[in-house]
């Protein structure tokens, strides 16, 4: 888990992506450890060097007994839901259409979760140079739509 946290840190090239992942991960871990002391998450707070959100999410899912497929499905669903929420704030996408879109994407989310659970950690090798460059340019943009 510690090695995976460090590996993810190295993979997230844009500063804002790394920083946001760590802030959200630490907040999630702190809240989960505080609310669910029986899950023994306090130790993880000191062991994880960065506490990136996906790593913390997986740790909490395991602590609560979720199988890998369920955890991957939930993580993927909330990630897509977050993107749709951002689209609602930036465009004229209404609540009903957002829900329809999320519902239509459920099969793709499920397929992605199934694919993820069949992969090994060695398969994790992101390659999104255009997105990384755009994110790095966004860090210095005088006009920004979102903080991260």
N, C-alpha and C. Protein backbone atom coordinates (compact mmCIF):
# COMPACT_ATOMS: atom_id res chain seq x y z
N UNK A 1 0.82 -1.18 0.00
CA UNK A 1 0.00 0.00 0.00
C UNK A 1 0.87 1.26 0.00
N UNK A 2 1.92 1.27 0.79
CA UNK A 2 2.83 2.41 0.84
C UNK A 2 3.52 2.59 -0.51
N UNK A 3 3.96 1.47 -1.11
CA UNK A 3 4.62 1.54 -2.42
C UNK A 3 3.65 2.02 -3.49
N UNK A 4 2.40 1.58 -3.41
CA UNK A 4 1.40 1.99 -4.39
C UNK A 4 1.10 3.49 -4.26
N UNK A 5 1.05 3.99 -3.04
CA UNK A 5 0.83 5.41 -2.80
C UNK A 5 1.97 6.23 -3.41
N UNK A 6 3.20 5.78 -3.21
CA UNK A 6 4.36 6.47 -3.77
C UNK A 6 4.38 6.38 -5.30
N UNK A 7 3.97 5.24 -5.82
CA UNK A 7 3.93 5.06 -7.28
C UNK A 7 2.90 6.00 -7.91
N UNK A 8 1.73 6.10 -7.30
CA UNK A 8 0.71 7.01 -7.82
C UNK A 8 1.20 8.44 -7.76
N UNK A 9 1.89 8.79 -6.71
CA UNK A 9 2.43 10.15 -6.57
C UNK A 9 3.36 10.47 -7.75
N UNK A 10 4.19 9.51 -8.12
CA UNK A 10 5.11 9.71 -9.24
C UNK A 10 4.38 9.78 -10.58
N UNK A 11 3.23 9.12 -10.69
CA UNK A 11 2.49 9.09 -11.95
C UNK A 11 1.68 10.37 -12.19
N UNK A 12 1.30 11.04 -11.13
CA UNK A 12 0.51 12.26 -11.28
C UNK A 12 1.44 13.43 -11.55
N UNK A 13 1.60 13.78 -12.81
CA UNK A 13 2.57 14.80 -13.19
C UNK A 13 2.15 16.22 -12.83
N UNK A 14 0.92 16.64 -13.14
CA UNK A 14 0.56 18.03 -12.79
C UNK A 14 0.48 18.22 -11.28
N UNK A 15 1.07 19.29 -10.80
CA UNK A 15 1.09 19.58 -9.37
C UNK A 15 -0.32 19.59 -8.78
N UNK A 16 -1.24 20.28 -9.45
CA UNK A 16 -2.59 20.40 -8.91
C UNK A 16 -3.29 19.05 -8.76
N UNK A 17 -3.05 18.14 -9.68
CA UNK A 17 -3.66 16.81 -9.58
C UNK A 17 -3.10 16.06 -8.37
N UNK A 18 -1.79 16.15 -8.18
CA UNK A 18 -1.17 15.51 -7.01
C UNK A 18 -1.69 16.12 -5.72
N UNK A 19 -1.69 17.44 -5.67
CA UNK A 19 -2.10 18.13 -4.45
C UNK A 19 -3.57 17.85 -4.11
N UNK A 20 -4.43 17.90 -5.10
CA UNK A 20 -5.85 17.64 -4.86
C UNK A 20 -6.07 16.21 -4.39
N UNK A 21 -5.40 15.27 -5.02
CA UNK A 21 -5.54 13.87 -4.64
C UNK A 21 -5.10 13.64 -3.19
N UNK A 22 -4.02 14.29 -2.80
CA UNK A 22 -3.53 14.14 -1.42
C UNK A 22 -4.47 14.81 -0.42
N UNK A 23 -4.95 16.02 -0.75
CA UNK A 23 -5.85 16.71 0.17
C UNK A 23 -7.14 15.94 0.39
N UNK A 24 -7.74 15.47 -0.70
CA UNK A 24 -8.99 14.73 -0.60
C UNK A 24 -8.76 13.39 0.10
N UNK A 25 -7.65 12.73 -0.22
CA UNK A 25 -7.33 11.46 0.41
C UNK A 25 -7.14 11.59 1.91
N UNK A 26 -6.39 12.61 2.33
CA UNK A 26 -6.16 12.82 3.76
C UNK A 26 -7.47 13.16 4.48
N UNK A 27 -8.30 13.98 3.87
CA UNK A 27 -9.59 14.33 4.48
C UNK A 27 -10.46 13.08 4.63
N UNK A 28 -10.50 12.26 3.59
CA UNK A 28 -11.30 11.04 3.64
C UNK A 28 -10.77 10.09 4.71
N UNK A 29 -9.47 9.92 4.76
CA UNK A 29 -8.88 9.02 5.75
C UNK A 29 -9.12 9.53 7.17
N UNK A 30 -8.96 10.83 7.38
CA UNK A 30 -9.20 11.40 8.70
C UNK A 30 -10.65 11.19 9.13
N UNK A 31 -11.58 11.47 8.22
CA UNK A 31 -13.00 11.30 8.55
C UNK A 31 -13.34 9.84 8.82
N UNK A 32 -12.85 8.95 7.99
CA UNK A 32 -13.15 7.53 8.16
C UNK A 32 -12.55 7.00 9.46
N UNK A 33 -11.33 7.41 9.77
CA UNK A 33 -10.69 6.97 11.01
C UNK A 33 -11.41 7.50 12.23
N UNK A 34 -11.92 8.72 12.12
CA UNK A 34 -12.64 9.33 13.24
C UNK A 34 -14.02 8.72 13.43
N UNK A 35 -14.71 8.45 12.34
CA UNK A 35 -16.08 7.93 12.42
C UNK A 35 -16.14 6.44 12.67
N UNK A 36 -15.13 5.73 12.21
CA UNK A 36 -15.16 4.26 12.29
C UNK A 36 -13.88 3.75 12.95
N UNK A 37 -13.77 3.97 14.24
CA UNK A 37 -12.56 3.58 14.96
C UNK A 37 -12.33 2.07 14.93
N UNK A 38 -13.40 1.29 14.79
CA UNK A 38 -13.24 -0.16 14.75
C UNK A 38 -12.53 -0.64 13.48
N UNK A 39 -12.46 0.19 12.47
CA UNK A 39 -11.80 -0.20 11.21
C UNK A 39 -10.28 -0.11 11.30
N UNK A 40 -9.74 0.43 12.40
CA UNK A 40 -8.31 0.51 12.62
C UNK A 40 -7.59 1.26 11.50
N UNK A 41 -8.11 2.43 11.16
CA UNK A 41 -7.52 3.23 10.08
C UNK A 41 -6.50 4.25 10.59
N UNK A 42 -6.42 4.41 11.91
CA UNK A 42 -5.47 5.37 12.48
C UNK A 42 -4.03 5.07 12.04
N UNK A 43 -3.68 3.79 12.01
CA UNK A 43 -2.32 3.40 11.64
C UNK A 43 -2.00 3.84 10.21
N UNK A 44 -2.97 3.73 9.33
CA UNK A 44 -2.74 4.11 7.93
C UNK A 44 -2.41 5.59 7.81
N UNK A 45 -2.94 6.40 8.72
CA UNK A 45 -2.68 7.84 8.66
C UNK A 45 -1.19 8.14 8.84
N UNK A 46 -0.50 7.30 9.55
CA UNK A 46 0.93 7.54 9.76
C UNK A 46 1.81 6.81 8.75
N UNK A 47 1.29 5.73 8.16
CA UNK A 47 2.09 4.92 7.25
C UNK A 47 2.11 5.43 5.82
N UNK A 48 1.00 5.98 5.36
CA UNK A 48 0.95 6.42 3.96
C UNK A 48 1.71 7.73 3.77
N UNK A 49 2.69 7.74 2.89
CA UNK A 49 3.49 8.97 2.73
C UNK A 49 2.70 10.12 2.10
N UNK A 50 1.75 9.82 1.22
CA UNK A 50 1.01 10.86 0.53
C UNK A 50 -0.50 10.78 0.77
N UNK A 51 -1.01 9.59 0.99
CA UNK A 51 -2.44 9.35 1.21
C UNK A 51 -3.28 9.84 0.03
N UNK A 52 -2.91 9.41 -1.17
CA UNK A 52 -3.68 9.78 -2.35
C UNK A 52 -5.08 9.17 -2.28
N UNK A 53 -6.04 9.91 -2.79
CA UNK A 53 -7.44 9.52 -2.68
C UNK A 53 -7.73 8.09 -3.14
N UNK A 54 -7.27 7.65 -4.33
CA UNK A 54 -7.59 6.27 -4.73
C UNK A 54 -7.04 5.22 -3.77
N UNK A 55 -5.87 5.48 -3.22
CA UNK A 55 -5.26 4.53 -2.30
C UNK A 55 -6.06 4.48 -1.00
N UNK A 56 -6.41 5.64 -0.50
CA UNK A 56 -7.21 5.71 0.73
C UNK A 56 -8.58 5.07 0.51
N UNK A 57 -9.19 5.34 -0.62
CA UNK A 57 -10.49 4.76 -0.93
C UNK A 57 -10.40 3.23 -0.89
N UNK A 58 -9.38 2.68 -1.53
CA UNK A 58 -9.21 1.24 -1.53
C UNK A 58 -8.95 0.68 -0.14
N UNK A 59 -8.16 1.39 0.62
CA UNK A 59 -7.87 0.98 2.00
C UNK A 59 -9.14 0.94 2.84
N UNK A 60 -9.96 1.96 2.72
CA UNK A 60 -11.21 2.01 3.47
C UNK A 60 -12.17 0.93 2.99
N UNK A 61 -12.24 0.73 1.70
CA UNK A 61 -13.12 -0.32 1.15
C UNK A 61 -12.72 -1.68 1.71
N UNK A 62 -11.42 -1.94 1.73
CA UNK A 62 -10.94 -3.21 2.28
C UNK A 62 -11.24 -3.32 3.78
N UNK A 63 -11.06 -2.21 4.50
CA UNK A 63 -11.33 -2.22 5.95
C UNK A 63 -12.79 -2.53 6.25
N UNK A 64 -13.67 -2.15 5.34
CA UNK A 64 -15.09 -2.42 5.54
C UNK A 64 -15.58 -3.67 4.83
N UNK A 65 -14.63 -4.45 4.30
CA UNK A 65 -14.98 -5.75 3.76
C UNK A 65 -15.52 -5.77 2.35
N UNK A 66 -15.35 -4.69 1.60
CA UNK A 66 -15.81 -4.70 0.21
C UNK A 66 -14.86 -5.52 -0.65
N UNK A 67 -15.42 -6.30 -1.56
CA UNK A 67 -14.57 -7.03 -2.50
C UNK A 67 -14.02 -6.05 -3.54
N UNK A 68 -13.01 -6.47 -4.25
CA UNK A 68 -12.32 -5.59 -5.21
C UNK A 68 -13.27 -5.07 -6.29
N UNK A 69 -14.15 -5.92 -6.79
CA UNK A 69 -15.06 -5.48 -7.86
C UNK A 69 -16.02 -4.40 -7.36
N UNK A 70 -16.59 -4.61 -6.19
CA UNK A 70 -17.52 -3.61 -5.64
C UNK A 70 -16.81 -2.30 -5.39
N UNK A 71 -15.61 -2.37 -4.81
CA UNK A 71 -14.85 -1.15 -4.55
C UNK A 71 -14.52 -0.42 -5.85
N UNK A 72 -14.10 -1.15 -6.87
CA UNK A 72 -13.79 -0.53 -8.16
C UNK A 72 -15.03 0.09 -8.79
N UNK A 73 -16.16 -0.57 -8.67
CA UNK A 73 -17.42 -0.05 -9.23
C UNK A 73 -17.83 1.25 -8.53
N UNK A 74 -17.75 1.24 -7.22
CA UNK A 74 -18.13 2.44 -6.46
C UNK A 74 -17.18 3.59 -6.78
N UNK A 75 -15.89 3.31 -6.83
CA UNK A 75 -14.92 4.36 -7.13
C UNK A 75 -15.16 4.93 -8.53
N UNK A 76 -15.35 4.06 -9.49
CA UNK A 76 -15.57 4.53 -10.87
C UNK A 76 -16.87 5.34 -10.97
N UNK A 77 -17.92 4.88 -10.30
CA UNK A 77 -19.19 5.59 -10.34
C UNK A 77 -19.04 7.00 -9.75
N UNK A 78 -18.38 7.11 -8.60
CA UNK A 78 -18.25 8.43 -7.99
C UNK A 78 -17.34 9.33 -8.82
N UNK A 79 -16.36 8.76 -9.51
CA UNK A 79 -15.48 9.57 -10.36
C UNK A 79 -16.27 10.13 -11.55
N UNK A 80 -17.10 9.29 -12.17
CA UNK A 80 -17.93 9.75 -13.29
C UNK A 80 -18.96 10.77 -12.81
N UNK A 81 -19.55 10.50 -11.66
CA UNK A 81 -20.53 11.43 -11.10
C UNK A 81 -19.89 12.80 -10.86
N UNK A 82 -18.65 12.83 -10.41
CA UNK A 82 -17.95 14.09 -10.20
C UNK A 82 -17.73 14.85 -11.50
N UNK A 83 -17.41 14.13 -12.57
CA UNK A 83 -17.23 14.79 -13.87
C UNK A 83 -18.55 15.35 -14.40
N UNK A 84 -19.62 14.60 -14.20
CA UNK A 84 -20.93 15.08 -14.64
C UNK A 84 -21.34 16.31 -13.82
N UNK A 85 -21.04 16.30 -12.55
CA UNK A 85 -21.32 17.45 -11.70
C UNK A 85 -20.58 18.69 -12.19
N UNK A 86 -19.32 18.51 -12.56
CA UNK A 86 -18.55 19.62 -13.11
C UNK A 86 -19.16 20.12 -14.41
N UNK A 87 -19.61 19.20 -15.25
CA UNK A 87 -20.25 19.58 -16.51
C UNK A 87 -21.53 20.37 -16.25
N UNK A 88 -22.26 20.02 -15.21
CA UNK A 88 -23.47 20.77 -14.88
C UNK A 88 -23.14 22.22 -14.52
N UNK A 89 -22.05 22.41 -13.79
CA UNK A 89 -21.67 23.76 -13.38
C UNK A 89 -21.12 24.58 -14.53
N UNK A 90 -20.54 23.92 -15.52
CA UNK A 90 -19.92 24.63 -16.63
C UNK A 90 -20.83 24.82 -17.84
N UNK A 91 -21.86 24.01 -17.94
CA UNK A 91 -22.72 24.04 -19.12
C UNK A 91 -24.18 24.15 -18.72
N UNK A 92 -25.03 23.97 -19.68
CA UNK A 92 -26.47 24.01 -19.43
C UNK A 92 -27.04 22.63 -19.16
N UNK A 93 -26.21 21.71 -18.77
CA UNK A 93 -26.66 20.36 -18.45
C UNK A 93 -27.51 20.42 -17.19
N UNK A 94 -28.77 20.05 -17.31
CA UNK A 94 -29.69 20.10 -16.18
C UNK A 94 -29.62 18.85 -15.33
N UNK A 95 -30.29 18.89 -14.20
CA UNK A 95 -30.28 17.79 -13.26
C UNK A 95 -30.84 16.50 -13.86
N UNK A 96 -31.95 16.60 -14.56
CA UNK A 96 -32.58 15.40 -15.12
C UNK A 96 -31.68 14.79 -16.19
N UNK A 97 -31.14 15.63 -17.07
CA UNK A 97 -30.25 15.11 -18.11
C UNK A 97 -28.97 14.53 -17.50
N UNK A 98 -28.48 15.15 -16.45
CA UNK A 98 -27.29 14.62 -15.78
C UNK A 98 -27.57 13.22 -15.23
N UNK A 99 -28.74 13.03 -14.64
CA UNK A 99 -29.10 11.71 -14.12
C UNK A 99 -29.27 10.69 -15.25
N UNK A 100 -29.86 11.13 -16.35
CA UNK A 100 -30.00 10.25 -17.51
C UNK A 100 -28.63 9.84 -18.05
N UNK A 101 -27.73 10.80 -18.13
CA UNK A 101 -26.38 10.53 -18.61
C UNK A 101 -25.67 9.54 -17.69
N UNK A 102 -25.77 9.76 -16.41
CA UNK A 102 -25.15 8.86 -15.45
C UNK A 102 -25.75 7.46 -15.57
N UNK A 103 -27.04 7.38 -15.75
CA UNK A 103 -27.70 6.08 -15.90
C UNK A 103 -27.23 5.38 -17.18
N UNK A 104 -27.11 6.13 -18.28
CA UNK A 104 -26.65 5.55 -19.55
C UNK A 104 -25.21 5.06 -19.45
N UNK A 105 -24.42 5.68 -18.60
CA UNK A 105 -23.01 5.32 -18.47
C UNK A 105 -22.78 4.14 -17.53
N UNK A 106 -23.78 3.69 -16.83
CA UNK A 106 -23.60 2.59 -15.88
C UNK A 106 -22.99 1.34 -16.51
N UNK A 107 -23.42 0.91 -17.70
CA UNK A 107 -22.76 -0.27 -18.30
C UNK A 107 -21.27 -0.05 -18.56
N UNK A 108 -20.90 1.14 -19.00
CA UNK A 108 -19.48 1.43 -19.25
C UNK A 108 -18.70 1.48 -17.94
N UNK A 109 -19.32 2.02 -16.91
CA UNK A 109 -18.67 2.07 -15.60
C UNK A 109 -18.44 0.65 -15.08
N UNK A 110 -19.46 -0.18 -15.22
CA UNK A 110 -19.35 -1.58 -14.78
C UNK A 110 -18.27 -2.31 -15.57
N UNK A 111 -18.22 -2.08 -16.87
CA UNK A 111 -17.20 -2.73 -17.69
C UNK A 111 -15.79 -2.27 -17.28
N UNK A 112 -15.65 -0.99 -17.00
CA UNK A 112 -14.35 -0.47 -16.56
C UNK A 112 -13.94 -1.09 -15.23
N UNK A 113 -14.89 -1.25 -14.32
CA UNK A 113 -14.59 -1.86 -13.02
C UNK A 113 -14.17 -3.32 -13.20
N UNK A 114 -14.87 -4.03 -14.07
CA UNK A 114 -14.50 -5.43 -14.32
C UNK A 114 -13.10 -5.50 -14.93
N UNK A 115 -12.82 -4.63 -15.86
CA UNK A 115 -11.51 -4.59 -16.49
C UNK A 115 -10.42 -4.27 -15.45
N UNK A 116 -10.70 -3.33 -14.59
CA UNK A 116 -9.72 -2.93 -13.57
C UNK A 116 -9.39 -4.08 -12.62
N UNK A 117 -10.39 -4.86 -12.26
CA UNK A 117 -10.13 -5.94 -11.29
C UNK A 117 -9.39 -7.11 -11.93
N UNK A 118 -9.33 -7.15 -13.25
CA UNK A 118 -8.58 -8.22 -13.93
C UNK A 118 -7.13 -7.83 -14.18
N UNK A 119 -6.80 -6.60 -13.94
CA UNK A 119 -5.45 -6.10 -14.23
C UNK A 119 -4.55 -6.21 -13.01
N UNK A 120 -3.27 -6.30 -13.28
CA UNK A 120 -2.30 -6.29 -12.18
C UNK A 120 -1.83 -4.85 -11.96
N UNK A 121 -1.19 -4.61 -10.85
CA UNK A 121 -0.66 -3.27 -10.58
C UNK A 121 0.42 -2.88 -11.57
N UNK A 122 1.08 -3.86 -12.15
CA UNK A 122 2.11 -3.56 -13.15
C UNK A 122 1.53 -2.96 -14.42
N UNK A 123 0.21 -3.15 -14.63
CA UNK A 123 -0.45 -2.57 -15.80
C UNK A 123 -0.71 -1.07 -15.64
N UNK A 124 -0.59 -0.57 -14.43
CA UNK A 124 -0.86 0.85 -14.18
C UNK A 124 0.28 1.68 -14.75
N UNK A 125 0.01 2.32 -15.87
CA UNK A 125 1.01 3.15 -16.52
C UNK A 125 0.27 4.22 -17.32
N UNK A 126 -0.13 5.30 -16.68
CA UNK A 126 -0.92 6.31 -17.39
C UNK A 126 -0.10 7.01 -18.46
N UNK A 127 -0.74 7.26 -19.56
CA UNK A 127 -0.09 8.00 -20.63
C UNK A 127 -1.13 8.92 -21.24
N UNK A 128 -1.16 10.15 -20.74
CA UNK A 128 -2.11 11.14 -21.20
C UNK A 128 -1.38 12.47 -21.38
N UNK A 129 -0.43 12.53 -22.30
CA UNK A 129 0.42 13.73 -22.38
C UNK A 129 -0.36 15.01 -22.66
N UNK A 130 -1.39 14.96 -23.50
CA UNK A 130 -2.13 16.19 -23.80
C UNK A 130 -2.90 16.68 -22.57
N UNK A 131 -3.49 15.76 -21.82
CA UNK A 131 -4.20 16.14 -20.60
C UNK A 131 -3.22 16.68 -19.56
N UNK A 132 -2.07 16.04 -19.43
CA UNK A 132 -1.07 16.51 -18.47
C UNK A 132 -0.58 17.92 -18.81
N UNK A 133 -0.29 18.15 -20.08
CA UNK A 133 0.18 19.47 -20.50
C UNK A 133 -0.91 20.52 -20.29
N UNK A 134 -2.16 20.18 -20.62
CA UNK A 134 -3.26 21.12 -20.41
C UNK A 134 -3.44 21.43 -18.92
N UNK A 135 -3.31 20.41 -18.08
CA UNK A 135 -3.45 20.62 -16.64
C UNK A 135 -2.32 21.49 -16.11
N UNK A 136 -1.12 21.30 -16.63
CA UNK A 136 0.01 22.11 -16.19
C UNK A 136 -0.15 23.57 -16.63
N UNK A 137 -0.70 23.76 -17.82
CA UNK A 137 -0.96 25.13 -18.30
C UNK A 137 -2.06 25.78 -17.46
N UNK A 138 -3.03 24.99 -17.07
CA UNK A 138 -4.14 25.49 -16.25
C UNK A 138 -3.65 26.02 -14.91
N UNK A 139 -2.59 25.42 -14.38
CA UNK A 139 -2.04 25.85 -13.09
C UNK A 139 -1.65 27.33 -13.11
N UNK A 140 -1.27 27.83 -14.27
CA UNK A 140 -0.80 29.22 -14.38
C UNK A 140 -1.76 30.11 -15.16
N UNK A 141 -2.91 29.61 -15.43
CA UNK A 141 -3.90 30.38 -16.19
C UNK A 141 -4.46 31.52 -15.34
N UNK A 142 -4.59 32.72 -15.91
CA UNK A 142 -5.14 33.83 -15.13
C UNK A 142 -6.65 33.68 -14.87
N UNK A 143 -7.33 32.91 -15.71
CA UNK A 143 -8.77 32.67 -15.53
C UNK A 143 -8.95 31.17 -15.37
N UNK A 144 -9.57 30.79 -14.24
CA UNK A 144 -9.73 29.37 -13.96
C UNK A 144 -11.18 29.09 -13.58
N UNK A 145 -11.66 27.95 -14.06
CA UNK A 145 -13.04 27.59 -13.78
C UNK A 145 -13.19 26.83 -12.47
N UNK A 146 -12.18 26.05 -12.14
CA UNK A 146 -12.18 25.28 -10.90
C UNK A 146 -10.82 25.41 -10.24
N UNK A 147 -10.77 25.16 -8.95
CA UNK A 147 -9.50 25.24 -8.23
C UNK A 147 -8.54 24.16 -8.70
N UNK A 148 -9.04 22.94 -8.89
CA UNK A 148 -8.16 21.86 -9.35
C UNK A 148 -8.83 21.04 -10.40
